[in-house]
Structures are given as C-alpha cells and as structure tokens.
Amino acid sequence: MMNDEEIEFQEEMLATKEPLMPDPPIKYNAMELEQATLLSTPLTDHVRQNTLQFILGTRDLAEWDDYVQELESRGLQNFLDLANSVYQERN
C-alpha cells in the first residue's frame, strides 16, 4: 500500500533512529487518583474547549498568555505538583 518513497523513508528511520519508550504511567493510590481526577477534570474541559476555539479562530492566539493564566487559576500547578511528587516517589 505504501509507495517506494515511503518504504525507503520507513527503512531509513528503522536503520538510523533509536525508538524512545514512553514514560511509565504515574502510579497513583486510590486517594491520589481521586484527587488527580478532581484536579484534572476542569483542566481537561477547559483545554478541550479552548483548543477548539484556537483552531476555529474564535479565540485569537494573542490571548495565549491569558489562556495559560486561566489554566493556572483552575489548579494547573496543584495537578502538576501532585503528579510530579507521586511519580518521583514511585519511580
């Protein structure tokens, strides 16, 4: 199904590039998982809504700094602190 150029590219990538494994998942306990879910749900909703607005052009990219501040006001730093502390403790 691939053309010759694509096959050549794939073979070259396999020969010259070393695949990177993804980071292991964060291993939350039950209480941490609930806390992470409570923090991440409004963040995820806000990110999805605004991503669509940026893509469709209904929100200008000049408002990016405002968008980041909105995420911070919704608990972004608390979520990141929780995720990083759990990750560092268990990995």
N, C-alpha and C. Protein backbone atom coordinates (compact mmCIF):
# COMPACT_ATOMS: atom_id res chain seq x y z
N MET A 1 0.81 -1.19 0.00
CA MET A 1 0.00 0.00 0.00
C MET A 1 0.85 1.27 0.00
N MET A 2 2.11 1.16 0.50
CA MET A 2 2.97 2.35 0.55
C MET A 2 3.74 2.48 -0.76
N ASN A 3 3.98 3.72 -1.15
CA ASN A 3 4.78 3.93 -2.36
C ASN A 3 6.26 3.72 -2.03
N ASP A 4 7.09 3.68 -3.05
CA ASP A 4 8.52 3.39 -2.87
C ASP A 4 9.21 4.43 -1.98
N GLU A 5 8.82 5.68 -2.12
CA GLU A 5 9.42 6.74 -1.32
C GLU A 5 9.11 6.53 0.18
N GLU A 6 7.89 6.15 0.49
CA GLU A 6 7.51 5.91 1.87
C GLU A 6 8.23 4.69 2.43
N ILE A 7 8.35 3.65 1.66
CA ILE A 7 9.07 2.44 2.10
C ILE A 7 10.53 2.78 2.38
N GLU A 8 11.15 3.55 1.51
CA GLU A 8 12.54 3.95 1.71
C GLU A 8 12.68 4.78 2.99
N PHE A 9 11.75 5.69 3.21
CA PHE A 9 11.77 6.51 4.41
C PHE A 9 11.64 5.65 5.67
N GLN A 10 10.69 4.72 5.67
CA GLN A 10 10.48 3.84 6.82
C GLN A 10 11.73 3.00 7.11
N GLU A 11 12.33 2.46 6.07
CA GLU A 11 13.53 1.64 6.26
C GLU A 11 14.69 2.48 6.80
N GLU A 12 14.85 3.70 6.31
CA GLU A 12 15.90 4.60 6.78
C GLU A 12 15.68 4.96 8.26
N MET A 13 14.45 5.22 8.63
CA MET A 13 14.14 5.55 10.02
C MET A 13 14.45 4.37 10.93
N LEU A 14 14.09 3.18 10.52
CA LEU A 14 14.37 2.00 11.34
C LEU A 14 15.87 1.76 11.48
N ALA A 15 16.64 2.08 10.45
CA ALA A 15 18.07 1.82 10.47
C ALA A 15 18.85 2.88 11.26
N THR A 16 18.36 4.12 11.29
CA THR A 16 19.16 5.20 11.87
C THR A 16 18.61 5.77 13.17
N LYS A 17 17.39 5.53 13.49
CA LYS A 17 16.79 6.13 14.69
C LYS A 17 16.53 5.07 15.74
N GLU A 18 16.80 5.43 16.98
CA GLU A 18 16.51 4.54 18.09
C GLU A 18 15.15 4.92 18.67
N PRO A 19 14.23 3.97 18.76
CA PRO A 19 12.90 4.30 19.29
C PRO A 19 12.99 4.68 20.77
N LEU A 20 12.19 5.67 21.16
CA LEU A 20 12.12 6.09 22.55
C LEU A 20 10.88 5.48 23.19
N MET A 21 11.06 4.91 24.35
CA MET A 21 9.94 4.34 25.07
C MET A 21 9.22 5.46 25.81
N PRO A 22 7.90 5.40 25.90
CA PRO A 22 7.17 6.44 26.65
C PRO A 22 7.47 6.30 28.14
N ASP A 23 7.28 7.41 28.85
CA ASP A 23 7.45 7.36 30.30
C ASP A 23 6.44 6.41 30.90
N PRO A 24 6.80 5.75 31.99
CA PRO A 24 5.82 4.88 32.64
C PRO A 24 4.68 5.70 33.22
N PRO A 25 3.51 5.11 33.36
CA PRO A 25 2.38 5.87 33.91
C PRO A 25 2.63 6.23 35.37
N ILE A 26 1.93 7.26 35.82
CA ILE A 26 2.02 7.67 37.22
C ILE A 26 1.17 6.70 38.02
N LYS A 27 1.75 6.12 39.06
CA LYS A 27 1.08 5.08 39.83
C LYS A 27 0.43 5.68 41.08
N TYR A 28 -0.75 6.28 40.89
CA TYR A 28 -1.49 6.87 42.00
C TYR A 28 -2.10 5.78 42.88
N ASN A 29 -2.18 6.04 44.18
CA ASN A 29 -3.02 5.19 45.03
C ASN A 29 -4.45 5.71 44.91
N ALA A 30 -5.39 5.09 45.59
CA ALA A 30 -6.81 5.44 45.42
C ALA A 30 -7.10 6.90 45.77
N MET A 31 -6.53 7.37 46.88
CA MET A 31 -6.78 8.75 47.31
C MET A 31 -6.14 9.75 46.33
N GLU A 32 -4.93 9.46 45.90
CA GLU A 32 -4.24 10.34 44.96
C GLU A 32 -4.94 10.35 43.61
N LEU A 33 -5.44 9.21 43.20
CA LEU A 33 -6.16 9.13 41.93
C LEU A 33 -7.42 9.98 41.96
N GLU A 34 -8.15 9.92 43.07
CA GLU A 34 -9.36 10.74 43.19
C GLU A 34 -9.00 12.22 43.17
N GLN A 35 -7.95 12.58 43.89
CA GLN A 35 -7.51 13.98 43.91
C GLN A 35 -7.07 14.43 42.51
N ALA A 36 -6.32 13.58 41.81
CA ALA A 36 -5.88 13.92 40.46
C ALA A 36 -7.06 14.08 39.51
N THR A 37 -8.05 13.22 39.68
CA THR A 37 -9.24 13.31 38.82
C THR A 37 -9.99 14.60 39.09
N LEU A 38 -10.14 14.96 40.35
CA LEU A 38 -10.84 16.20 40.69
C LEU A 38 -10.09 17.42 40.15
N LEU A 39 -8.79 17.37 40.14
CA LEU A 39 -8.00 18.48 39.61
C LEU A 39 -7.98 18.50 38.09
N SER A 40 -7.92 17.32 37.48
CA SER A 40 -7.74 17.27 36.02
C SER A 40 -9.03 17.49 35.23
N THR A 41 -10.18 17.17 35.81
CA THR A 41 -11.42 17.27 35.06
C THR A 41 -11.71 18.69 34.57
N PRO A 42 -11.68 19.71 35.45
CA PRO A 42 -11.92 21.07 34.92
C PRO A 42 -10.81 21.55 33.99
N LEU A 43 -9.58 21.10 34.23
CA LEU A 43 -8.49 21.47 33.33
C LEU A 43 -8.70 20.88 31.94
N THR A 44 -9.05 19.61 31.89
CA THR A 44 -9.27 18.94 30.62
C THR A 44 -10.42 19.59 29.85
N ASP A 45 -11.51 19.88 30.54
CA ASP A 45 -12.65 20.53 29.89
C ASP A 45 -12.24 21.88 29.30
N HIS A 46 -11.50 22.66 30.08
CA HIS A 46 -11.09 23.99 29.62
C HIS A 46 -10.13 23.88 28.43
N VAL A 47 -9.21 22.94 28.49
CA VAL A 47 -8.26 22.74 27.39
C VAL A 47 -8.99 22.36 26.11
N ARG A 48 -9.93 21.43 26.21
CA ARG A 48 -10.67 21.00 25.01
C ARG A 48 -11.47 22.14 24.40
N GLN A 49 -12.17 22.88 25.24
CA GLN A 49 -12.97 23.99 24.74
C GLN A 49 -12.10 25.04 24.05
N ASN A 50 -11.00 25.40 24.68
CA ASN A 50 -10.17 26.45 24.14
C ASN A 50 -9.33 25.98 22.96
N THR A 51 -8.95 24.72 22.93
CA THR A 51 -8.24 24.19 21.77
C THR A 51 -9.12 24.34 20.53
N LEU A 52 -10.38 24.00 20.66
CA LEU A 52 -11.31 24.15 19.55
C LEU A 52 -11.44 25.61 19.14
N GLN A 53 -11.52 26.49 20.11
CA GLN A 53 -11.64 27.92 19.79
C GLN A 53 -10.39 28.44 19.08
N PHE A 54 -9.22 28.01 19.53
CA PHE A 54 -7.99 28.44 18.86
C PHE A 54 -7.94 27.89 17.43
N ILE A 55 -8.33 26.62 17.25
CA ILE A 55 -8.30 26.02 15.92
C ILE A 55 -9.28 26.71 14.97
N LEU A 56 -10.48 26.97 15.47
CA LEU A 56 -11.50 27.58 14.62
C LEU A 56 -11.30 29.08 14.44
N GLY A 57 -10.41 29.67 15.21
CA GLY A 57 -10.15 31.10 15.08
C GLY A 57 -11.11 31.97 15.86
N THR A 58 -11.95 31.36 16.69
CA THR A 58 -12.86 32.18 17.51
C THR A 58 -12.15 32.75 18.73
N ARG A 59 -10.96 32.25 19.01
CA ARG A 59 -10.11 32.82 20.04
C ARG A 59 -8.74 33.06 19.42
N ASP A 60 -8.27 34.29 19.55
CA ASP A 60 -7.01 34.71 18.95
C ASP A 60 -5.82 34.14 19.72
N LEU A 61 -4.79 33.72 18.99
CA LEU A 61 -3.58 33.20 19.64
C LEU A 61 -2.87 34.27 20.46
N ALA A 62 -3.19 35.52 20.23
CA ALA A 62 -2.62 36.60 21.05
C ALA A 62 -3.11 36.49 22.50
N GLU A 63 -4.15 35.72 22.74
CA GLU A 63 -4.69 35.52 24.08
C GLU A 63 -4.07 34.31 24.78
N TRP A 64 -2.99 33.77 24.23
CA TRP A 64 -2.37 32.56 24.80
C TRP A 64 -1.98 32.75 26.26
N ASP A 65 -1.36 33.88 26.59
CA ASP A 65 -0.95 34.11 27.98
C ASP A 65 -2.16 34.14 28.91
N ASP A 66 -3.25 34.72 28.45
CA ASP A 66 -4.48 34.72 29.24
C ASP A 66 -4.99 33.30 29.45
N TYR A 67 -4.90 32.50 28.41
CA TYR A 67 -5.31 31.10 28.48
C TYR A 67 -4.49 30.33 29.51
N VAL A 68 -3.19 30.53 29.51
CA VAL A 68 -2.32 29.87 30.48
C VAL A 68 -2.68 30.31 31.90
N GLN A 69 -2.96 31.58 32.09
CA GLN A 69 -3.37 32.07 33.41
C GLN A 69 -4.70 31.46 33.84
N GLU A 70 -5.60 31.27 32.89
CA GLU A 70 -6.88 30.61 33.20
C GLU A 70 -6.64 29.19 33.69
N LEU A 71 -5.72 28.47 33.04
CA LEU A 71 -5.39 27.12 33.48
C LEU A 71 -4.78 27.14 34.88
N GLU A 72 -3.91 28.08 35.14
CA GLU A 72 -3.30 28.19 36.46
C GLU A 72 -4.34 28.49 37.53
N SER A 73 -5.33 29.32 37.19
CA SER A 73 -6.39 29.64 38.16
C SER A 73 -7.32 28.45 38.40
N ARG A 74 -7.29 27.46 37.50
CA ARG A 74 -8.11 26.25 37.66
C ARG A 74 -7.32 25.12 38.33
N GLY A 75 -6.14 25.41 38.84
CA GLY A 75 -5.40 24.43 39.62
C GLY A 75 -4.34 23.66 38.87
N LEU A 76 -3.85 24.20 37.78
CA LEU A 76 -2.83 23.51 36.99
C LEU A 76 -1.61 23.16 37.82
N GLN A 77 -1.11 24.13 38.59
CA GLN A 77 0.11 23.88 39.36
C GLN A 77 -0.11 22.81 40.42
N ASN A 78 -1.29 22.79 41.05
CA ASN A 78 -1.59 21.74 42.04
C ASN A 78 -1.59 20.36 41.39
N PHE A 79 -2.16 20.27 40.20
CA PHE A 79 -2.19 19.00 39.48
C PHE A 79 -0.78 18.54 39.12
N LEU A 80 0.03 19.47 38.61
CA LEU A 80 1.40 19.13 38.24
C LEU A 80 2.23 18.74 39.46
N ASP A 81 2.05 19.46 40.57
CA ASP A 81 2.79 19.14 41.79
C ASP A 81 2.43 17.74 42.28
N LEU A 82 1.15 17.41 42.26
CA LEU A 82 0.71 16.07 42.69
C LEU A 82 1.31 15.00 41.78
N ALA A 83 1.18 15.18 40.49
CA ALA A 83 1.69 14.19 39.54
C ALA A 83 3.20 14.02 39.68
N ASN A 84 3.93 15.11 39.79
CA ASN A 84 5.38 15.03 39.90
C ASN A 84 5.81 14.38 41.21
N SER A 85 5.15 14.70 42.31
CA SER A 85 5.55 14.11 43.59
C SER A 85 5.28 12.61 43.61
N VAL A 86 4.12 12.18 43.09
CA VAL A 86 3.82 10.75 43.05
C VAL A 86 4.78 10.03 42.11
N TYR A 87 5.06 10.62 40.97
CA TYR A 87 5.97 10.00 40.01
C TYR A 87 7.36 9.83 40.62
N GLN A 88 7.85 10.88 41.30
CA GLN A 88 9.19 10.81 41.87
C GLN A 88 9.26 9.81 43.03
N GLU A 89 8.20 9.69 43.81
CA GLU A 89 8.19 8.75 44.92
C GLU A 89 8.21 7.30 44.45
N ARG A 90 7.54 7.01 43.35
CA ARG A 90 7.31 5.62 42.96
C ARG A 90 8.13 5.16 41.77
N ASN A 91 8.90 6.02 41.16
CA ASN A 91 9.70 5.60 40.00
C ASN A 91 11.17 5.84 40.24
